[in-house]
Amino acid sequence: MDGGFARASLTEILEVERDCCARLGELIEGERRAVAGRNLGGLLAAVKEREVVQALWQRALAARTARLGAEAERAALGTRDPEAARLLDQVRTAATELARAQRSNAAIIRGALGQVCDLLATLRREQPGSRYDGHAALTAPLPHAPGGGWSA
């Protein structure tokens, strides 16, 4: 086992997984808020932290899988260690909720990107060179001739 889990009990490993799920849920919500607020810095910070937390979760998952082994071993867990079985159920529920939240975020981001692309395509027909800058602010060159170009 890696990630410092070699001496950890199954309960400790499951607690790490549960904590990772809780933190990932917060980070996914933060990503959603950052996208809605066009906060690129906030989005990048959330994504970077999510990568760290997901890596820890993957190490804990690998340790748990190595510890529990076969399906029969997992089934016997409830009798042998009810607290660990309860934690395992919490982790499974949290993982299912995280997957749903990630699918939701992916759809929101795809929709936002689609809107940006559509908006830029429309603007560029009338005003070539329109783009979003590094702060997600729209910039467009000034119209060339009086009466030409577009107006808002």
Protein backbone atom coordinates (compact mmCIF):
# COMPACT_ATOMS: atom_id res chain seq x y z
CA MET A 1 0.00 0.00 0.00
CA ASP A 2 1.18 3.51 -0.62
CA GLY A 3 0.34 7.03 0.46
CA GLY A 4 1.08 6.35 4.12
CA PHE A 5 -1.82 3.93 4.45
CA ALA A 6 0.26 0.80 5.17
CA ARG A 7 -0.27 1.11 8.93
CA ALA A 8 -3.70 2.73 8.78
CA SER A 9 -6.75 0.82 9.93
CA LEU A 10 -9.62 0.22 7.52
CA THR A 11 -11.67 2.74 9.49
CA GLU A 12 -8.95 5.38 9.12
CA ILE A 13 -8.72 4.74 5.37
CA LEU A 14 -12.49 5.04 5.01
CA GLU A 15 -12.48 8.26 7.03
CA VAL A 16 -9.88 9.69 4.63
CA GLU A 17 -12.08 8.68 1.70
CA ARG A 18 -15.15 10.24 3.32
CA ASP A 19 -13.25 13.47 4.01
CA CYS A 20 -11.96 13.54 0.43
CA CYS A 21 -15.51 13.17 -0.86
CA ALA A 22 -16.72 16.04 1.33
CA ARG A 23 -13.86 18.29 0.18
CA LEU A 24 -14.38 17.35 -3.46
CA GLY A 25 -18.05 18.25 -3.15
CA GLU A 26 -17.07 21.72 -1.91
CA LEU A 27 -14.52 22.11 -4.71
CA ILE A 28 -17.01 21.09 -7.39
CA GLU A 29 -19.44 23.68 -6.05
CA GLY A 30 -16.60 26.23 -6.09
CA GLU A 31 -15.86 25.38 -9.71
CA ARG A 32 -19.53 25.92 -10.56
CA ARG A 33 -19.54 29.32 -8.83
CA ALA A 34 -16.30 30.30 -10.57
CA VAL A 35 -17.72 29.41 -13.99
CA ALA A 36 -20.94 31.31 -13.27
CA GLY A 37 -18.95 34.34 -12.10
CA ARG A 38 -16.42 34.08 -14.93
CA ASN A 39 -13.70 33.86 -12.27
CA LEU A 40 -10.84 32.18 -14.11
CA GLY A 41 -8.45 32.44 -11.15
CA GLY A 42 -10.99 30.86 -8.82
CA LEU A 43 -11.68 28.08 -11.31
CA LEU A 44 -7.99 27.29 -11.74
CA ALA A 45 -7.42 27.27 -7.97
CA ALA A 46 -10.36 24.90 -7.45
CA VAL A 47 -9.17 22.59 -10.24
CA LYS A 48 -5.62 22.48 -8.83
CA GLU A 49 -6.85 21.68 -5.34
CA ARG A 50 -9.27 19.10 -6.73
CA GLU A 51 -6.37 17.28 -8.41
CA VAL A 52 -4.55 17.06 -5.06
CA VAL A 53 -7.62 15.81 -3.19
CA GLN A 54 -8.48 13.32 -5.94
CA ALA A 55 -4.94 11.93 -5.84
CA LEU A 56 -5.25 11.38 -2.07
CA TRP A 57 -8.65 9.74 -2.57
CA GLN A 58 -7.22 7.41 -5.23
CA ARG A 59 -4.43 6.34 -2.88
CA ALA A 60 -6.95 5.70 -0.10
CA LEU A 61 -9.17 3.77 -2.49
CA ALA A 62 -6.25 1.60 -3.57
CA ALA A 63 -5.38 0.94 0.08
CA ARG A 64 -8.99 0.05 0.88
CA THR A 65 -9.23 -2.24 -2.13
CA ALA A 66 -6.03 -4.01 -1.12
CA ARG A 67 -7.27 -4.31 2.46
CA LEU A 68 -10.76 -5.57 1.67
CA GLY A 69 -9.87 -7.84 -1.21
CA ALA A 70 -12.64 -10.00 -2.67
CA GLU A 71 -16.38 -9.28 -2.69
CA ALA A 72 -16.95 -11.98 -0.05
CA GLU A 73 -14.57 -10.09 2.24
CA ARG A 74 -16.54 -6.87 1.70
CA ALA A 75 -19.82 -8.66 2.38
CA ALA A 76 -18.49 -10.03 5.69
CA LEU A 77 -17.37 -6.55 6.75
CA GLY A 78 -20.80 -5.68 8.19
CA THR A 79 -20.62 -8.52 10.67
CA ARG A 80 -16.96 -8.13 11.50
CA ASP A 81 -16.78 -4.31 11.77
CA PRO A 82 -20.13 -2.46 11.68
CA GLU A 83 -18.43 0.96 11.98
CA ALA A 84 -16.26 0.30 8.92
CA ALA A 85 -19.29 -1.01 7.03
CA ARG A 86 -21.19 2.20 7.89
CA LEU A 87 -18.26 4.32 6.69
CA LEU A 88 -18.04 2.29 3.49
CA ASP A 89 -21.72 2.99 2.81
CA GLN A 90 -21.12 6.71 3.43
CA VAL A 91 -18.19 6.72 1.02
CA ARG A 92 -20.18 4.90 -1.67
CA THR A 93 -23.10 7.34 -1.28
CA ALA A 94 -20.75 10.34 -1.38
CA ALA A 95 -18.97 8.97 -4.47
CA THR A 96 -22.31 8.57 -6.26
CA GLU A 97 -23.25 12.16 -5.37
CA LEU A 98 -19.84 13.41 -6.56
CA ALA A 99 -20.25 11.65 -9.90
CA ARG A 100 -23.65 13.33 -10.34
CA ALA A 101 -22.22 16.75 -9.40
CA GLN A 102 -19.29 16.30 -11.81
CA ARG A 103 -21.67 15.38 -14.65
CA SER A 104 -23.72 18.45 -13.82
CA ASN A 105 -20.62 20.69 -13.83
CA ALA A 106 -19.49 19.21 -17.15
CA ALA A 107 -22.88 20.03 -18.67
CA ILE A 108 -22.79 23.58 -17.27
CA ILE A 109 -19.28 24.16 -18.59
CA ARG A 110 -20.14 22.70 -22.01
CA GLY A 111 -23.18 24.98 -22.15
CA ALA A 112 -21.16 28.03 -21.11
CA LEU A 113 -18.48 27.27 -23.70
CA GLY A 114 -21.15 26.78 -26.34
CA GLN A 115 -22.67 30.16 -25.51
CA VAL A 116 -19.29 31.86 -25.68
CA CYS A 117 -18.54 30.28 -29.06
CA ASP A 118 -21.97 31.25 -30.40
CA LEU A 119 -21.61 34.82 -29.12
CA LEU A 120 -18.15 35.23 -30.61
CA ALA A 121 -19.27 33.79 -33.95
CA THR A 122 -22.15 36.28 -34.05
CA LEU A 123 -19.97 39.22 -33.02
CA ARG A 124 -17.20 38.34 -35.46
CA ARG A 125 -19.62 38.45 -38.38
CA GLU A 126 -20.14 42.14 -37.66
CA GLN A 127 -16.88 42.96 -35.91
CA PRO A 128 -13.91 40.77 -36.87
CA GLY A 129 -11.32 40.44 -34.13
CA SER A 130 -13.75 40.23 -31.21
CA ARG A 131 -12.41 37.97 -28.45
CA TYR A 132 -12.38 37.29 -24.72
CA ASP A 133 -9.29 38.37 -22.83
CA GLY A 134 -7.61 36.58 -19.91
CA HIS A 135 -10.21 37.97 -17.50
CA ALA A 136 -13.14 36.66 -19.60
CA ALA A 137 -13.97 40.24 -20.63
CA LEU A 138 -15.13 40.82 -24.18
CA THR A 139 -12.91 43.04 -26.28
CA ALA A 140 -13.71 44.17 -29.79
CA PRO A 141 -11.96 46.57 -32.14
CA LEU A 142 -13.65 49.90 -32.72
CA PRO A 143 -15.81 50.13 -35.84
CA HIS A 144 -13.74 51.36 -38.81
CA ALA A 145 -16.02 53.84 -40.52
CA PRO A 146 -18.74 56.13 -39.23
CA GLY A 147 -22.03 54.31 -39.55
CA GLY A 148 -20.18 51.03 -40.18
CA GLY A 149 -19.77 48.14 -37.82
CA TRP A 150 -22.13 47.56 -34.99
CA SER A 151 -23.58 49.42 -32.08
CA ALA A 152 -24.93 48.31 -28.73
